[in-house]
C-alpha atoms as a PDB file:
ATOM      1  CA  UNK A   1       3.334 -24.617  -7.379  1.00  0.00           C
ATOM      2  CA  UNK A   2       0.657 -23.298  -9.438  1.00  0.00           C
ATOM      3  CA  UNK A   3      -1.850 -22.224  -6.161  1.00  0.00           C
ATOM      4  CA  UNK A   4       1.208 -20.452  -4.618  1.00  0.00           C
ATOM      5  CA  UNK A   5       2.418 -18.231  -7.817  1.00  0.00           C
ATOM      6  CA  UNK A   6      -1.827 -17.608  -8.085  1.00  0.00           C
ATOM      7  CA  UNK A   7      -2.005 -16.574  -4.506  1.00  0.00           C
ATOM      8  CA  UNK A   8       1.237 -14.621  -5.039  1.00  0.00           C
ATOM      9  CA  UNK A   9      -0.041 -12.735  -8.048  1.00  0.00           C
ATOM     10  CA  UNK A  10      -3.211 -11.949  -6.585  1.00  0.00           C
ATOM     11  CA  UNK A  11      -1.930 -10.405  -3.850  1.00  0.00           C
ATOM     12  CA  UNK A  12       0.200  -8.387  -5.975  1.00  0.00           C
ATOM     13  CA  UNK A  13      -2.953  -7.269  -8.039  1.00  0.00           C
ATOM     14  CA  UNK A  14      -4.522  -6.356  -5.183  1.00  0.00           C
ATOM     15  CA  UNK A  15      -1.816  -4.195  -4.019  1.00  0.00           C
ATOM     16  CA  UNK A  16      -1.458  -2.442  -6.782  1.00  0.00           C
ATOM     17  CA  UNK A  17      -5.303  -1.951  -7.328  1.00  0.00           C
ATOM     18  CA  UNK A  18      -5.274  -0.397  -3.655  1.00  0.00           C
ATOM     19  CA  UNK A  19      -2.148   1.858  -4.519  1.00  0.00           C
ATOM     20  CA  UNK A  20      -3.790   3.227  -7.492  1.00  0.00           C
ATOM     21  CA  UNK A  21      -7.039   3.819  -5.588  1.00  0.00           C
ATOM     22  CA  UNK A  22      -5.436   5.967  -2.452  1.00  0.00           C
ATOM     23  CA  UNK A  23      -3.139   7.407  -5.002  1.00  0.00           C
ATOM     24  CA  UNK A  24      -5.892   9.173  -6.535  1.00  0.00           C
ATOM     25  CA  UNK A  25      -7.845  10.117  -3.376  1.00  0.00           C
ATOM     26  CA  UNK A  26      -4.316  11.184  -2.531  1.00  0.00           C
ATOM     27  CA  UNK A  27      -3.570  13.299  -5.235  1.00  0.00           C
ATOM     28  CA  UNK A  28      -7.423  14.415  -5.599  1.00  0.00           C
ATOM     29  CA  UNK A  29      -6.576  16.021  -1.406  1.00  0.00           C
ATOM     30  CA  UNK A  30      -3.743  17.553  -2.726  1.00  0.00           C
ATOM     31  CA  UNK A  31      -5.097  19.319  -5.993  1.00  0.00           C
ATOM     32  CA  UNK A  32      -7.296  20.893  -3.274  1.00  0.00           C
ATOM     33  CA  UNK A  33      -4.509  22.316  -0.875  1.00  0.00           C
ATOM     34  CA  UNK A  34      -3.183  23.764  -4.216  1.00  0.00           C
ATOM     35  CA  UNK A  35      -6.680  25.124  -5.268  1.00  0.00           C
ATOM     36  CA  UNK A  36      -6.862  27.022  -2.111  1.00  0.00           C
ATOM     37  CA  UNK A  37      -3.010  28.112  -1.940  1.00  0.00           C
ATOM     38  CA  UNK A  38      -2.121  25.985   0.903  1.00  0.00           C
ATOM     39  CA  UNK A  39       0.858  24.090   1.762  1.00  0.00           C
ATOM     40  CA  UNK A  40       0.777  20.432   1.940  1.00  0.00           C
ATOM     41  CA  UNK A  41       1.448  18.865   4.495  1.00  0.00           C
ATOM     42  CA  UNK A  42       4.248  16.782   4.689  1.00  0.00           C
ATOM     43  CA  UNK A  43       3.844  12.985   5.010  1.00  0.00           C
ATOM     44  CA  UNK A  44       5.132  11.551   8.301  1.00  0.00           C
ATOM     45  CA  UNK A  45       8.347  10.297   8.407  1.00  0.00           C
ATOM     46  CA  UNK A  46       7.700   6.621   8.875  1.00  0.00           C
ATOM     47  CA  UNK A  47       5.366   7.205   5.872  1.00  0.00           C
ATOM     48  CA  UNK A  48       8.051   6.182   3.146  1.00  0.00           C
ATOM     49  CA  UNK A  49       9.436   3.506   5.323  1.00  0.00           C
ATOM     50  CA  UNK A  50       6.194   1.550   5.429  1.00  0.00           C
ATOM     51  CA  UNK A  51       5.397   1.964   2.148  1.00  0.00           C
ATOM     52  CA  UNK A  52       8.701   0.241   1.199  1.00  0.00           C
ATOM     53  CA  UNK A  53       7.872  -2.583   4.149  1.00  0.00           C
ATOM     54  CA  UNK A  54       4.765  -3.228   2.764  1.00  0.00           C
ATOM     55  CA  UNK A  55       5.741  -3.799  -1.215  1.00  0.00           C
ATOM     56  CA  UNK A  56       8.473  -5.788   0.656  1.00  0.00           C
ATOM     57  CA  UNK A  57       6.011  -7.962   1.964  1.00  0.00           C
ATOM     58  CA  UNK A  58       4.453  -8.337  -1.568  1.00  0.00           C
ATOM     59  CA  UNK A  59       7.684  -9.372  -2.791  1.00  0.00           C
ATOM     60  CA  UNK A  60       8.894 -11.906   0.020  1.00  0.00           C
ATOM     61  CA  UNK A  61       6.774 -14.712  -1.601  1.00  0.00           C
ATOM     62  CA  UNK A  62       8.227 -14.544  -5.119  1.00  0.00           C
ATOM     63  CA  UNK A  63      11.771 -14.568  -3.625  1.00  0.00           C
ATOM     64  CA  UNK A  64      11.212 -16.953  -0.642  1.00  0.00           C
ATOM     65  CA  UNK A  65       9.656 -20.131  -1.222  1.00  0.00           C
ATOM     66  CA  UNK A  66       6.651 -20.221   1.295  1.00  0.00           C
ATOM     67  CA  UNK A  67       3.913 -22.512   2.262  1.00  0.00           C
ATOM     68  CA  UNK A  68       0.891 -21.392   0.522  1.00  0.00           C
ATOM     69  CA  UNK A  69      -0.987 -20.384   4.219  1.00  0.00           C
ATOM     70  CA  UNK A  70       1.904 -18.466   4.890  1.00  0.00           C
ATOM     71  CA  UNK A  71       1.845 -16.485   1.178  1.00  0.00           C
ATOM     72  CA  UNK A  72      -1.937 -15.923   1.914  1.00  0.00           C
ATOM     73  CA  UNK A  73      -1.020 -14.464   5.118  1.00  0.00           C
ATOM     74  CA  UNK A  74       2.196 -12.359   4.224  1.00  0.00           C
ATOM     75  CA  UNK A  75       0.268 -11.251   1.311  1.00  0.00           C
ATOM     76  CA  UNK A  76      -2.735  -9.858   3.302  1.00  0.00           C
ATOM     77  CA  UNK A  77      -0.330  -8.547   5.951  1.00  0.00           C
ATOM     78  CA  UNK A  78       1.287  -6.104   3.071  1.00  0.00           C
ATOM     79  CA  UNK A  79      -2.301  -5.538   1.744  1.00  0.00           C
ATOM     80  CA  UNK A  80      -3.588  -4.415   5.413  1.00  0.00           C
ATOM     81  CA  UNK A  81      -0.436  -2.258   6.053  1.00  0.00           C
ATOM     82  CA  UNK A  82      -0.545  -0.465   3.128  1.00  0.00           C
ATOM     83  CA  UNK A  83      -4.469   0.486   3.495  1.00  0.00           C
ATOM     84  CA  UNK A  84      -3.912   1.727   6.967  1.00  0.00           C
ATOM     85  CA  UNK A  85      -0.490   3.815   5.658  1.00  0.00           C
ATOM     86  CA  UNK A  86      -2.963   5.132   3.135  1.00  0.00           C
ATOM     87  CA  UNK A  87      -5.622   5.871   5.205  1.00  0.00           C
ATOM     88  CA  UNK A  88      -3.705   7.744   7.852  1.00  0.00           C
ATOM     89  CA  UNK A  89      -1.981   9.684   4.874  1.00  0.00           C
ATOM     90  CA  UNK A  90      -5.429  10.758   3.733  1.00  0.00           C
ATOM     91  CA  UNK A  91      -6.940  11.760   7.228  1.00  0.00           C
ATOM     92  CA  UNK A  92      -3.513  14.028   7.676  1.00  0.00           C
ATOM     93  CA  UNK A  93      -4.262  15.633   4.307  1.00  0.00           C
ATOM     94  CA  UNK A  94      -8.113  15.919   5.189  1.00  0.00           C
ATOM     95  CA  UNK A  95      -7.895  16.831   8.467  1.00  0.00           C
END
């Protein structure tokens, strides 16, 4: 039971660190838009839904008992998914 908990909380910690990292970068780009008196482009329709699903993937192992390897795979999918979504939003703001 302990390795499963460690995997769950490690995945959540990495997810939060990634959210903070990309959140700072995205807010920096938004601030640049505001300083230049430009309109901030709206995120794609799927952005918010994808963020919610990535967070749900991180919380799934806590709610449903799974094997250790399944927990690791699900947490990695949530982390990579969030990375892809945030990089896409950042590229949208930069271009």
